[in-house]
Amino acid sequence: MCDTKSILMVGVGGQGILLASKLLTRGLVEHGYDVKMSEIHGMSQRGGSVSAHIRYGEVVHSPVIGPGSADILVSFETMETYRWLGYLKQGGKVIMNHYMLPSAPILSGQADYPVSIADEVMGQADTLAIDALELIRDLHAPRSINMVLLGALVRQAGLEDIDWVELIRSAGKPRFAEANIKALQIGLNCKE
């Protein structure tokens, strides 16, 4: 076993963060880790911020990841990456889906989406920036971006020895299984 590791998954409601976090948690538990997870849904059904805190190791006492303590920040949306960057520990890793989902103030014209935000994140932290939607375009399964990000996380965290394919088959909806497995494989192959 190892020291406690902390993974923070963030994004916007409807991006599949909760499914990805539940698969991650289940895989870690089945692999013998003590795991604690906490989800914050917020206004997720209205495009609001969603986060999942996952901590694992030999003994874990709390699921809460405080500022400056996440080993890996996995973000499904660019602005959310920036919003949660303060939770990353010094020397931590960011996995950022290079995808912009405008919030209500941006859609209504009250604010502009800061286009340089991805560059700011990459300038502040060790970042693997991927365009998950583009990577799975040929799968015709846009809802599988969460599996691309899960695959990238699995690789970055060194968790490849867990049977993720079986987890996807047993935990998800059967009609999405094959696309999700292919998307996971694409994520596993994402490199710096």
N, C-alpha and C. Protein backbone atom coordinates (compact mmCIF):
# COMPACT_ATOMS: atom_id res chain seq x y z
N MET A 1 0.83 -1.18 0.00
CA MET A 1 0.00 0.00 0.00
C MET A 1 0.88 1.25 0.00
N CYS A 2 0.25 2.39 -0.05
CA CYS A 2 0.99 3.64 -0.14
C CYS A 2 0.43 4.65 0.84
N ASP A 3 1.07 5.79 0.92
CA ASP A 3 0.50 6.89 1.68
C ASP A 3 -0.82 7.29 1.05
N THR A 4 -1.60 8.03 1.78
CA THR A 4 -2.90 8.47 1.27
C THR A 4 -2.71 9.40 0.07
N LYS A 5 -3.45 9.12 -0.99
CA LYS A 5 -3.46 9.93 -2.20
C LYS A 5 -4.82 10.61 -2.32
N SER A 6 -4.81 11.81 -2.85
CA SER A 6 -6.04 12.60 -2.97
C SER A 6 -6.26 13.00 -4.42
N ILE A 7 -7.43 12.66 -4.94
CA ILE A 7 -7.80 12.99 -6.32
C ILE A 7 -9.07 13.83 -6.27
N LEU A 8 -9.04 14.97 -6.92
CA LEU A 8 -10.19 15.86 -6.99
C LEU A 8 -10.67 15.91 -8.43
N MET A 9 -11.92 15.51 -8.66
CA MET A 9 -12.54 15.58 -9.98
C MET A 9 -13.54 16.72 -9.97
N VAL A 10 -13.45 17.59 -10.96
CA VAL A 10 -14.34 18.76 -11.01
C VAL A 10 -14.86 18.98 -12.43
N GLY A 11 -15.98 19.66 -12.50
CA GLY A 11 -16.55 19.99 -13.80
C GLY A 11 -17.93 20.59 -13.63
N VAL A 12 -18.74 20.39 -14.65
CA VAL A 12 -20.08 20.96 -14.71
C VAL A 12 -21.08 19.81 -14.77
N GLY A 13 -22.22 20.00 -14.15
CA GLY A 13 -23.25 18.97 -14.14
C GLY A 13 -23.54 18.42 -15.53
N GLY A 14 -23.67 17.11 -15.62
CA GLY A 14 -23.97 16.45 -16.88
C GLY A 14 -22.77 15.94 -17.63
N GLN A 15 -21.56 16.16 -17.11
CA GLN A 15 -20.35 15.72 -17.81
C GLN A 15 -19.90 14.31 -17.42
N GLY A 16 -20.58 13.67 -16.52
CA GLY A 16 -20.23 12.30 -16.15
C GLY A 16 -19.19 12.19 -15.05
N ILE A 17 -19.03 13.23 -14.28
CA ILE A 17 -18.04 13.24 -13.20
C ILE A 17 -18.39 12.21 -12.14
N LEU A 18 -19.66 12.13 -11.79
CA LEU A 18 -20.05 11.23 -10.72
C LEU A 18 -19.87 9.77 -11.13
N LEU A 19 -20.17 9.42 -12.37
CA LEU A 19 -19.93 8.05 -12.82
C LEU A 19 -18.44 7.73 -12.80
N ALA A 20 -17.63 8.64 -13.31
CA ALA A 20 -16.18 8.41 -13.31
C ALA A 20 -15.65 8.25 -11.89
N SER A 21 -16.13 9.08 -10.96
CA SER A 21 -15.65 8.99 -9.58
C SER A 21 -16.11 7.71 -8.91
N LYS A 22 -17.31 7.25 -9.23
CA LYS A 22 -17.80 6.00 -8.65
C LYS A 22 -17.03 4.80 -9.19
N LEU A 23 -16.71 4.81 -10.48
CA LEU A 23 -15.90 3.73 -11.05
C LEU A 23 -14.51 3.72 -10.42
N LEU A 24 -13.92 4.91 -10.27
CA LEU A 24 -12.61 5.01 -9.65
C LEU A 24 -12.65 4.46 -8.23
N THR A 25 -13.64 4.89 -7.47
CA THR A 25 -13.77 4.44 -6.08
C THR A 25 -13.95 2.93 -6.01
N ARG A 26 -14.82 2.41 -6.83
CA ARG A 26 -15.06 0.95 -6.82
C ARG A 26 -13.80 0.18 -7.19
N GLY A 27 -13.08 0.64 -8.20
CA GLY A 27 -11.84 -0.03 -8.59
C GLY A 27 -10.81 -0.01 -7.48
N LEU A 28 -10.69 1.12 -6.80
CA LEU A 28 -9.72 1.23 -5.70
C LEU A 28 -10.10 0.32 -4.53
N VAL A 29 -11.39 0.27 -4.20
CA VAL A 29 -11.85 -0.60 -3.12
C VAL A 29 -11.58 -2.07 -3.47
N GLU A 30 -11.93 -2.47 -4.68
CA GLU A 30 -11.71 -3.86 -5.09
C GLU A 30 -10.23 -4.22 -5.14
N HIS A 31 -9.38 -3.21 -5.29
CA HIS A 31 -7.94 -3.45 -5.32
C HIS A 31 -7.34 -3.48 -3.91
N GLY A 32 -8.16 -3.24 -2.88
CA GLY A 32 -7.70 -3.38 -1.51
C GLY A 32 -7.38 -2.08 -0.78
N TYR A 33 -7.63 -0.96 -1.39
CA TYR A 33 -7.37 0.31 -0.73
C TYR A 33 -8.53 0.67 0.19
N ASP A 34 -8.22 1.40 1.26
CA ASP A 34 -9.24 2.08 2.04
C ASP A 34 -9.56 3.34 1.24
N VAL A 35 -10.82 3.58 0.96
CA VAL A 35 -11.22 4.70 0.10
C VAL A 35 -12.34 5.48 0.76
N LYS A 36 -12.22 6.79 0.69
CA LYS A 36 -13.29 7.68 1.12
C LYS A 36 -13.60 8.62 -0.03
N MET A 37 -14.91 8.83 -0.27
CA MET A 37 -15.32 9.70 -1.37
C MET A 37 -16.44 10.62 -0.90
N SER A 38 -16.40 11.83 -1.41
CA SER A 38 -17.45 12.81 -1.14
C SER A 38 -17.79 13.51 -2.44
N GLU A 39 -19.07 13.67 -2.69
CA GLU A 39 -19.53 14.36 -3.90
C GLU A 39 -20.27 15.63 -3.52
N ILE A 40 -20.06 16.66 -4.31
CA ILE A 40 -20.82 17.89 -4.13
C ILE A 40 -21.49 18.18 -5.46
N HIS A 41 -22.81 18.15 -5.45
CA HIS A 41 -23.57 18.30 -6.69
C HIS A 41 -23.91 19.74 -7.01
N GLY A 42 -24.07 20.58 -6.02
CA GLY A 42 -24.42 21.97 -6.29
C GLY A 42 -25.65 22.07 -7.17
N MET A 43 -25.61 22.94 -8.12
CA MET A 43 -26.71 23.10 -9.07
C MET A 43 -26.41 22.30 -10.33
N SER A 44 -26.01 21.07 -10.14
CA SER A 44 -25.51 20.27 -11.25
C SER A 44 -26.52 20.09 -12.38
N GLN A 45 -27.79 19.99 -12.06
CA GLN A 45 -28.78 19.80 -13.11
C GLN A 45 -28.97 21.05 -13.94
N ARG A 46 -28.46 22.17 -13.48
CA ARG A 46 -28.57 23.42 -14.22
C ARG A 46 -27.22 23.89 -14.72
N GLY A 47 -26.29 22.96 -14.90
CA GLY A 47 -24.98 23.32 -15.42
C GLY A 47 -24.05 23.90 -14.37
N GLY A 48 -24.35 23.66 -13.10
CA GLY A 48 -23.52 24.18 -12.03
C GLY A 48 -22.30 23.30 -11.76
N SER A 49 -21.47 23.77 -10.88
CA SER A 49 -20.23 23.09 -10.53
C SER A 49 -20.49 21.78 -9.80
N VAL A 50 -19.72 20.76 -10.15
CA VAL A 50 -19.79 19.45 -9.51
C VAL A 50 -18.37 19.07 -9.13
N SER A 51 -18.21 18.49 -7.94
CA SER A 51 -16.89 18.00 -7.56
C SER A 51 -17.02 16.68 -6.84
N ALA A 52 -15.99 15.86 -6.97
CA ALA A 52 -15.90 14.59 -6.25
C ALA A 52 -14.50 14.52 -5.64
N HIS A 53 -14.46 14.30 -4.35
CA HIS A 53 -13.21 14.15 -3.61
C HIS A 53 -13.00 12.65 -3.39
N ILE A 54 -11.88 12.12 -3.82
CA ILE A 54 -11.56 10.70 -3.63
C ILE A 54 -10.20 10.62 -2.96
N ARG A 55 -10.16 9.97 -1.80
CA ARG A 55 -8.89 9.77 -1.08
C ARG A 55 -8.72 8.28 -0.85
N TYR A 56 -7.51 7.77 -1.11
CA TYR A 56 -7.28 6.34 -0.95
C TYR A 56 -5.88 6.08 -0.41
N GLY A 57 -5.74 4.94 0.24
CA GLY A 57 -4.46 4.54 0.82
C GLY A 57 -4.68 3.37 1.75
N GLU A 58 -3.76 3.18 2.69
CA GLU A 58 -3.88 2.08 3.64
C GLU A 58 -4.98 2.37 4.66
N VAL A 59 -4.96 3.57 5.21
CA VAL A 59 -6.00 4.01 6.13
C VAL A 59 -6.33 5.47 5.79
N VAL A 60 -7.61 5.73 5.53
CA VAL A 60 -8.05 7.07 5.19
C VAL A 60 -9.12 7.47 6.19
N HIS A 61 -8.97 8.64 6.79
CA HIS A 61 -9.91 9.06 7.83
C HIS A 61 -10.99 10.01 7.33
N SER A 62 -10.76 10.71 6.25
CA SER A 62 -11.72 11.70 5.79
C SER A 62 -11.70 11.79 4.26
N PRO A 63 -12.86 12.02 3.65
CA PRO A 63 -12.88 12.18 2.21
C PRO A 63 -12.55 13.60 1.73
N VAL A 64 -12.51 14.53 2.65
CA VAL A 64 -12.39 15.94 2.27
C VAL A 64 -10.96 16.29 1.86
N ILE A 65 -10.85 16.92 0.71
CA ILE A 65 -9.56 17.40 0.20
C ILE A 65 -9.56 18.92 0.40
N GLY A 66 -8.64 19.39 1.21
CA GLY A 66 -8.55 20.81 1.47
C GLY A 66 -7.67 21.52 0.46
N PRO A 67 -7.68 22.85 0.49
CA PRO A 67 -6.80 23.61 -0.40
C PRO A 67 -5.34 23.18 -0.25
N GLY A 68 -4.68 23.06 -1.39
CA GLY A 68 -3.26 22.71 -1.41
C GLY A 68 -2.95 21.27 -1.08
N SER A 69 -3.92 20.35 -1.21
CA SER A 69 -3.65 18.97 -0.82
C SER A 69 -4.01 17.90 -1.84
N ALA A 70 -4.52 18.25 -3.01
CA ALA A 70 -4.85 17.25 -4.03
C ALA A 70 -3.59 16.84 -4.79
N ASP A 71 -3.38 15.54 -4.88
CA ASP A 71 -2.26 15.03 -5.68
C ASP A 71 -2.53 15.20 -7.16
N ILE A 72 -3.79 14.95 -7.55
CA ILE A 72 -4.20 15.08 -8.95
C ILE A 72 -5.53 15.80 -9.00
N LEU A 73 -5.61 16.80 -9.86
CA LEU A 73 -6.85 17.52 -10.14
C LEU A 73 -7.27 17.12 -11.54
N VAL A 74 -8.43 16.48 -11.66
CA VAL A 74 -8.97 16.08 -12.96
C VAL A 74 -10.14 17.01 -13.24
N SER A 75 -10.03 17.79 -14.30
CA SER A 75 -11.06 18.75 -14.61
C SER A 75 -11.69 18.46 -15.96
N PHE A 76 -13.00 18.44 -15.98
CA PHE A 76 -13.75 18.14 -17.18
C PHE A 76 -14.04 19.39 -18.01
N GLU A 77 -13.74 20.57 -17.46
CA GLU A 77 -14.04 21.84 -18.13
C GLU A 77 -12.97 22.86 -17.75
N THR A 78 -12.52 23.64 -18.70
CA THR A 78 -11.37 24.52 -18.52
C THR A 78 -11.54 25.53 -17.38
N MET A 79 -12.65 26.23 -17.32
CA MET A 79 -12.86 27.22 -16.26
C MET A 79 -12.86 26.57 -14.88
N GLU A 80 -13.44 25.38 -14.79
CA GLU A 80 -13.44 24.67 -13.51
C GLU A 80 -12.02 24.30 -13.08
N THR A 81 -11.15 24.05 -14.03
CA THR A 81 -9.75 23.77 -13.69
C THR A 81 -9.17 24.96 -12.94
N TYR A 82 -9.35 26.12 -13.50
CA TYR A 82 -8.82 27.33 -12.89
C TYR A 82 -9.46 27.60 -11.52
N ARG A 83 -10.75 27.39 -11.44
CA ARG A 83 -11.50 27.63 -10.21
C ARG A 83 -10.99 26.76 -9.06
N TRP A 84 -10.58 25.53 -9.36
CA TRP A 84 -10.17 24.57 -8.33
C TRP A 84 -8.66 24.43 -8.21
N LEU A 85 -7.89 25.17 -8.97
CA LEU A 85 -6.43 25.02 -8.99
C LEU A 85 -5.79 25.18 -7.61
N GLY A 86 -6.37 25.99 -6.76
CA GLY A 86 -5.83 26.20 -5.41
C GLY A 86 -5.86 24.95 -4.53
N TYR A 87 -6.59 23.93 -4.95
CA TYR A 87 -6.66 22.69 -4.19
C TYR A 87 -5.52 21.73 -4.53
N LEU A 88 -4.78 22.04 -5.58
CA LEU A 88 -3.67 21.18 -5.99
C LEU A 88 -2.48 21.41 -5.08
N LYS A 89 -1.84 20.33 -4.67
CA LYS A 89 -0.66 20.47 -3.83
C LYS A 89 0.55 20.86 -4.68
N GLN A 90 1.55 21.41 -4.05
CA GLN A 90 2.80 21.75 -4.73
C GLN A 90 3.35 20.48 -5.37
N GLY A 91 3.64 20.51 -6.65
CA GLY A 91 4.15 19.33 -7.35
C GLY A 91 3.06 18.38 -7.81
N GLY A 92 1.79 18.75 -7.62
CA GLY A 92 0.68 17.91 -8.06
C GLY A 92 0.49 17.98 -9.57
N LYS A 93 -0.42 17.18 -10.07
CA LYS A 93 -0.65 17.05 -11.51
C LYS A 93 -2.08 17.46 -11.85
N VAL A 94 -2.23 18.20 -12.93
CA VAL A 94 -3.55 18.56 -13.45
C VAL A 94 -3.80 17.78 -14.73
N ILE A 95 -4.98 17.18 -14.82
CA ILE A 95 -5.47 16.60 -16.07
C ILE A 95 -6.67 17.45 -16.45
N MET A 96 -6.52 18.20 -17.53
CA MET A 96 -7.54 19.19 -17.91
C MET A 96 -8.13 18.86 -19.27
N ASN A 97 -9.45 18.71 -19.29
CA ASN A 97 -10.16 18.60 -20.55
C ASN A 97 -10.24 20.01 -21.13
N HIS A 98 -9.62 20.20 -22.26
CA HIS A 98 -9.60 21.51 -22.91
C HIS A 98 -10.94 21.72 -23.60
N TYR A 99 -11.93 22.07 -22.78
CA TYR A 99 -13.30 22.21 -23.25
C TYR A 99 -13.93 23.38 -22.51
N MET A 100 -14.57 24.27 -23.24
CA MET A 100 -15.19 25.44 -22.64
C MET A 100 -16.71 25.31 -22.68
N LEU A 101 -17.31 25.30 -21.50
CA LEU A 101 -18.76 25.22 -21.37
C LEU A 101 -19.21 26.53 -20.72
N PRO A 102 -19.75 27.45 -21.48
CA PRO A 102 -20.09 28.77 -20.95
C PRO A 102 -21.14 28.71 -19.84
N SER A 103 -20.91 29.47 -18.80
CA SER A 103 -21.86 29.58 -17.70
C SER A 103 -22.99 30.54 -18.09
N ALA A 104 -24.00 30.65 -17.23
CA ALA A 104 -25.15 31.52 -17.50
C ALA A 104 -24.75 32.97 -17.74
N PRO A 105 -23.86 33.57 -16.92
CA PRO A 105 -23.48 34.97 -17.20
C PRO A 105 -22.80 35.13 -18.57
N ILE A 106 -22.07 34.15 -18.99
CA ILE A 106 -21.41 34.22 -20.30
C ILE A 106 -22.44 34.08 -21.42
N LEU A 107 -23.35 33.13 -21.24
CA LEU A 107 -24.39 32.92 -22.25
C LEU A 107 -25.30 34.13 -22.39
N SER A 108 -25.53 34.85 -21.29
CA SER A 108 -26.42 36.01 -21.33
C SER A 108 -25.70 37.28 -21.78
N GLY A 109 -24.38 37.20 -22.01
CA GLY A 109 -23.63 38.36 -22.46
C GLY A 109 -23.14 39.26 -21.34
N GLN A 110 -23.34 38.87 -20.09
CA GLN A 110 -22.90 39.68 -18.95
C GLN A 110 -21.39 39.54 -18.69
N ALA A 111 -20.80 38.49 -19.23
CA ALA A 111 -19.36 38.26 -19.02
C ALA A 111 -18.80 37.54 -20.24
N ASP A 112 -17.50 37.61 -20.39
CA ASP A 112 -16.82 36.89 -21.47
C ASP A 112 -16.07 35.70 -20.89
N TYR A 113 -15.98 34.64 -21.67
CA TYR A 113 -15.18 33.49 -21.24
C TYR A 113 -13.71 33.87 -21.42
N PRO A 114 -12.92 33.80 -20.37
CA PRO A 114 -11.50 34.17 -20.49
C PRO A 114 -10.74 33.13 -21.31
N VAL A 115 -10.45 33.46 -22.56
CA VAL A 115 -9.86 32.50 -23.49
C VAL A 115 -8.44 32.08 -23.12
N SER A 116 -7.75 32.86 -22.33
CA SER A 116 -6.37 32.52 -21.96
C SER A 116 -6.29 31.69 -20.70
N ILE A 117 -7.41 31.26 -20.19
CA ILE A 117 -7.43 30.56 -18.91
C ILE A 117 -6.64 29.25 -18.94
N ALA A 118 -6.70 28.50 -20.04
CA ALA A 118 -5.94 27.25 -20.14
C ALA A 118 -4.44 27.53 -20.06
N ASP A 119 -3.99 28.59 -20.71
CA ASP A 119 -2.57 28.95 -20.65
C ASP A 119 -2.17 29.32 -19.22
N GLU A 120 -3.05 30.00 -18.51
CA GLU A 120 -2.76 30.35 -17.11
C GLU A 120 -2.61 29.09 -16.26
N VAL A 121 -3.50 28.12 -16.45
CA VAL A 121 -3.41 26.87 -15.70
C VAL A 121 -2.09 26.17 -16.01
N MET A 122 -1.77 26.07 -17.30
CA MET A 122 -0.54 25.37 -17.70
C MET A 122 0.71 26.09 -17.22
N GLY A 123 0.61 27.40 -17.03
CA GLY A 123 1.74 28.15 -16.51
C GLY A 123 1.93 27.99 -15.01
N GLN A 124 0.89 27.55 -14.32
CA GLN A 124 0.95 27.42 -12.87
C GLN A 124 1.15 26.00 -12.38
N ALA A 125 0.85 24.99 -13.19
CA ALA A 125 0.91 23.61 -12.71
C ALA A 125 1.31 22.66 -13.84
N ASP A 126 1.86 21.53 -13.45
CA ASP A 126 2.18 20.45 -14.39
C ASP A 126 0.84 19.94 -14.92
N THR A 127 0.58 20.18 -16.21
CA THR A 127 -0.75 19.95 -16.77
C THR A 127 -0.71 19.06 -18.00
N LEU A 128 -1.57 18.06 -17.99
CA LEU A 128 -1.85 17.28 -19.18
C LEU A 128 -3.17 17.82 -19.73
N ALA A 129 -3.10 18.58 -20.81
CA ALA A 129 -4.30 19.17 -21.42
C ALA A 129 -4.71 18.30 -22.60
N ILE A 130 -5.96 17.85 -22.56
CA ILE A 130 -6.45 17.00 -23.64
C ILE A 130 -7.81 17.51 -24.11
N ASP A 131 -8.13 17.26 -25.34
CA ASP A 131 -9.44 17.57 -25.88
C ASP A 131 -10.17 16.24 -26.02
N ALA A 132 -10.83 15.83 -24.94
CA ALA A 132 -11.45 14.50 -24.89
C ALA A 132 -12.51 14.33 -25.97
N LEU A 133 -13.28 15.36 -26.23
CA LEU A 133 -14.33 15.25 -27.23
C LEU A 133 -13.74 14.98 -28.62
N GLU A 134 -12.67 15.67 -28.95
CA GLU A 134 -12.01 15.45 -30.24
C GLU A 134 -11.41 14.05 -30.32
N LEU A 135 -10.84 13.58 -29.22
CA LEU A 135 -10.21 12.25 -29.21
C LEU A 135 -11.20 11.12 -29.46
N ILE A 136 -12.46 11.34 -29.08
CA ILE A 136 -13.45 10.27 -29.26
C ILE A 136 -14.47 10.58 -30.35
N ARG A 137 -14.18 11.55 -31.16
CA ARG A 137 -15.11 11.94 -32.23
C ARG A 137 -15.53 10.74 -33.09
N ASP A 138 -14.60 9.87 -33.44
CA ASP A 138 -14.91 8.71 -34.28
C ASP A 138 -15.79 7.68 -33.59
N LEU A 139 -15.88 7.74 -32.27
CA LEU A 139 -16.72 6.79 -31.54
C LEU A 139 -18.20 7.19 -31.61
N HIS A 140 -18.48 8.44 -31.96
CA HIS A 140 -19.85 8.96 -31.98
C HIS A 140 -20.53 8.75 -30.63
N ALA A 141 -19.77 8.98 -29.57
CA ALA A 141 -20.27 8.80 -28.21
C ALA A 141 -19.77 9.95 -27.33
N PRO A 142 -20.28 11.16 -27.55
CA PRO A 142 -19.76 12.32 -26.82
C PRO A 142 -19.89 12.23 -25.31
N ARG A 143 -20.81 11.40 -24.83
CA ARG A 143 -20.98 11.25 -23.39
C ARG A 143 -19.86 10.43 -22.76
N SER A 144 -18.98 9.89 -23.56
CA SER A 144 -17.88 9.07 -23.03
C SER A 144 -16.63 9.87 -22.72
N ILE A 145 -16.70 11.19 -22.73
CA ILE A 145 -15.51 11.98 -22.39
C ILE A 145 -15.04 11.68 -20.97
N ASN A 146 -15.99 11.33 -20.09
CA ASN A 146 -15.60 11.01 -18.72
C ASN A 146 -14.68 9.80 -18.67
N MET A 147 -14.86 8.86 -19.59
CA MET A 147 -14.01 7.67 -19.60
C MET A 147 -12.61 7.99 -20.16
N VAL A 148 -12.53 8.96 -21.07
CA VAL A 148 -11.22 9.41 -21.55
C VAL A 148 -10.44 10.00 -20.37
N LEU A 149 -11.10 10.84 -19.59
CA LEU A 149 -10.44 11.47 -18.45
C LEU A 149 -10.11 10.46 -17.36
N LEU A 150 -10.99 9.47 -17.16
CA LEU A 150 -10.68 8.41 -16.21
C LEU A 150 -9.45 7.63 -16.67
N GLY A 151 -9.37 7.32 -17.96
CA GLY A 151 -8.20 6.62 -18.49
C GLY A 151 -6.92 7.41 -18.29
N ALA A 152 -6.97 8.71 -18.56
CA ALA A 152 -5.78 9.55 -18.36
C ALA A 152 -5.39 9.57 -16.88
N LEU A 153 -6.37 9.62 -16.00
CA LEU A 153 -6.11 9.59 -14.56
C LEU A 153 -5.49 8.26 -14.15
N VAL A 154 -6.04 7.17 -14.63
CA VAL A 154 -5.51 5.85 -14.30
C VAL A 154 -4.03 5.77 -14.66
N ARG A 155 -3.68 6.27 -15.83
CA ARG A 155 -2.27 6.25 -16.26
C ARG A 155 -1.41 7.13 -15.36
N GLN A 156 -1.87 8.35 -15.11
CA GLN A 156 -1.08 9.29 -14.30
C GLN A 156 -0.91 8.81 -12.86
N ALA A 157 -1.92 8.12 -12.32
CA ALA A 157 -1.87 7.65 -10.94
C ALA A 157 -1.22 6.27 -10.82
N GLY A 158 -0.88 5.65 -11.95
CA GLY A 158 -0.25 4.34 -11.90
C GLY A 158 -1.20 3.24 -11.44
N LEU A 159 -2.43 3.30 -11.88
CA LEU A 159 -3.45 2.34 -11.45
C LEU A 159 -3.87 1.38 -12.57
N GLU A 160 -2.96 1.13 -13.50
CA GLU A 160 -3.30 0.29 -14.66
C GLU A 160 -3.56 -1.16 -14.31
N ASP A 161 -3.12 -1.63 -13.14
CA ASP A 161 -3.29 -3.04 -12.81
C ASP A 161 -4.70 -3.39 -12.32
N ILE A 162 -5.57 -2.41 -12.21
CA ILE A 162 -6.97 -2.66 -11.87
C ILE A 162 -7.73 -2.98 -13.15
N ASP A 163 -8.68 -3.92 -13.08
CA ASP A 163 -9.43 -4.34 -14.26
C ASP A 163 -10.56 -3.34 -14.55
N TRP A 164 -10.20 -2.23 -15.18
CA TRP A 164 -11.17 -1.16 -15.48
C TRP A 164 -12.20 -1.59 -16.51
N VAL A 165 -11.80 -2.43 -17.43
CA VAL A 165 -12.74 -2.90 -18.46
C VAL A 165 -13.88 -3.66 -17.81
N GLU A 166 -13.56 -4.56 -16.90
CA GLU A 166 -14.60 -5.32 -16.21
C GLU A 166 -15.49 -4.41 -15.36
N LEU A 167 -14.87 -3.41 -14.72
CA LEU A 167 -15.65 -2.46 -13.93
C LEU A 167 -16.65 -1.71 -14.80
N ILE A 168 -16.22 -1.26 -15.96
CA ILE A 168 -17.11 -0.54 -16.86
C ILE A 168 -18.25 -1.46 -17.31
N ARG A 169 -17.90 -2.70 -17.63
CA ARG A 169 -18.94 -3.65 -18.07
C ARG A 169 -19.95 -3.94 -16.97
N SER A 170 -19.49 -4.06 -15.74
CA SER A 170 -20.38 -4.47 -14.66
C SER A 170 -21.12 -3.30 -14.01
N ALA A 171 -20.59 -2.10 -14.10
CA ALA A 171 -21.19 -0.97 -13.37
C ALA A 171 -22.00 -0.02 -14.25
N GLY A 172 -21.74 -0.01 -15.53
CA GLY A 172 -22.41 0.94 -16.40
C GLY A 172 -23.57 0.32 -17.15
N LYS A 173 -24.21 1.13 -17.96
CA LYS A 173 -25.30 0.63 -18.79
C LYS A 173 -24.70 -0.17 -19.94
N PRO A 174 -25.21 -1.37 -20.19
CA PRO A 174 -24.63 -2.24 -21.22
C PRO A 174 -24.53 -1.60 -22.61
N ARG A 175 -25.50 -0.76 -22.97
CA ARG A 175 -25.46 -0.19 -24.32
C ARG A 175 -24.32 0.81 -24.51
N PHE A 176 -23.75 1.33 -23.40
CA PHE A 176 -22.63 2.27 -23.49
C PHE A 176 -21.28 1.61 -23.23
N ALA A 177 -21.29 0.34 -22.85
CA ALA A 177 -20.06 -0.31 -22.38
C ALA A 177 -18.94 -0.27 -23.42
N GLU A 178 -19.20 -0.66 -24.63
CA GLU A 178 -18.11 -0.75 -25.62
C GLU A 178 -17.52 0.62 -25.95
N ALA A 179 -18.37 1.63 -26.11
CA ALA A 179 -17.87 2.98 -26.36
C ALA A 179 -17.06 3.48 -25.16
N ASN A 180 -17.55 3.21 -23.95
CA ASN A 180 -16.83 3.64 -22.75
C ASN A 180 -15.48 2.94 -22.62
N ILE A 181 -15.42 1.67 -22.96
CA ILE A 181 -14.16 0.93 -22.91
C ILE A 181 -13.17 1.50 -23.92
N LYS A 182 -13.63 1.78 -25.12
CA LYS A 182 -12.75 2.38 -26.14
C LYS A 182 -12.28 3.76 -25.69
N ALA A 183 -13.17 4.55 -25.11
CA ALA A 183 -12.80 5.88 -24.63
C ALA A 183 -11.78 5.78 -23.50
N LEU A 184 -11.94 4.80 -22.61
CA LEU A 184 -10.97 4.58 -21.54
C LEU A 184 -9.59 4.28 -22.13
N GLN A 185 -9.55 3.41 -23.13
CA GLN A 185 -8.29 3.05 -23.79
C GLN A 185 -7.63 4.28 -24.42
N ILE A 186 -8.42 5.15 -25.01
CA ILE A 186 -7.88 6.38 -25.60
C ILE A 186 -7.26 7.23 -24.49
N GLY A 187 -7.95 7.35 -23.37
CA GLY A 187 -7.43 8.11 -22.24
C GLY A 187 -6.15 7.51 -21.68
N LEU A 188 -6.08 6.19 -21.62
CA LEU A 188 -4.87 5.52 -21.13
C LEU A 188 -3.66 5.86 -22.00
N ASN A 189 -3.91 6.15 -23.27
CA ASN A 189 -2.82 6.44 -24.20
C ASN A 189 -2.48 7.93 -24.29
N CYS A 190 -3.16 8.78 -23.52
CA CYS A 190 -2.86 10.20 -23.53
C CYS A 190 -1.50 10.43 -22.85
N LYS A 191 -0.64 11.16 -23.53
CA LYS A 191 0.69 11.44 -23.01
C LYS A 191 0.93 12.93 -23.00
N GLU A 192 1.97 13.30 -22.29
CA GLU A 192 2.37 14.71 -22.19
C GLU A 192 2.57 15.30 -23.57
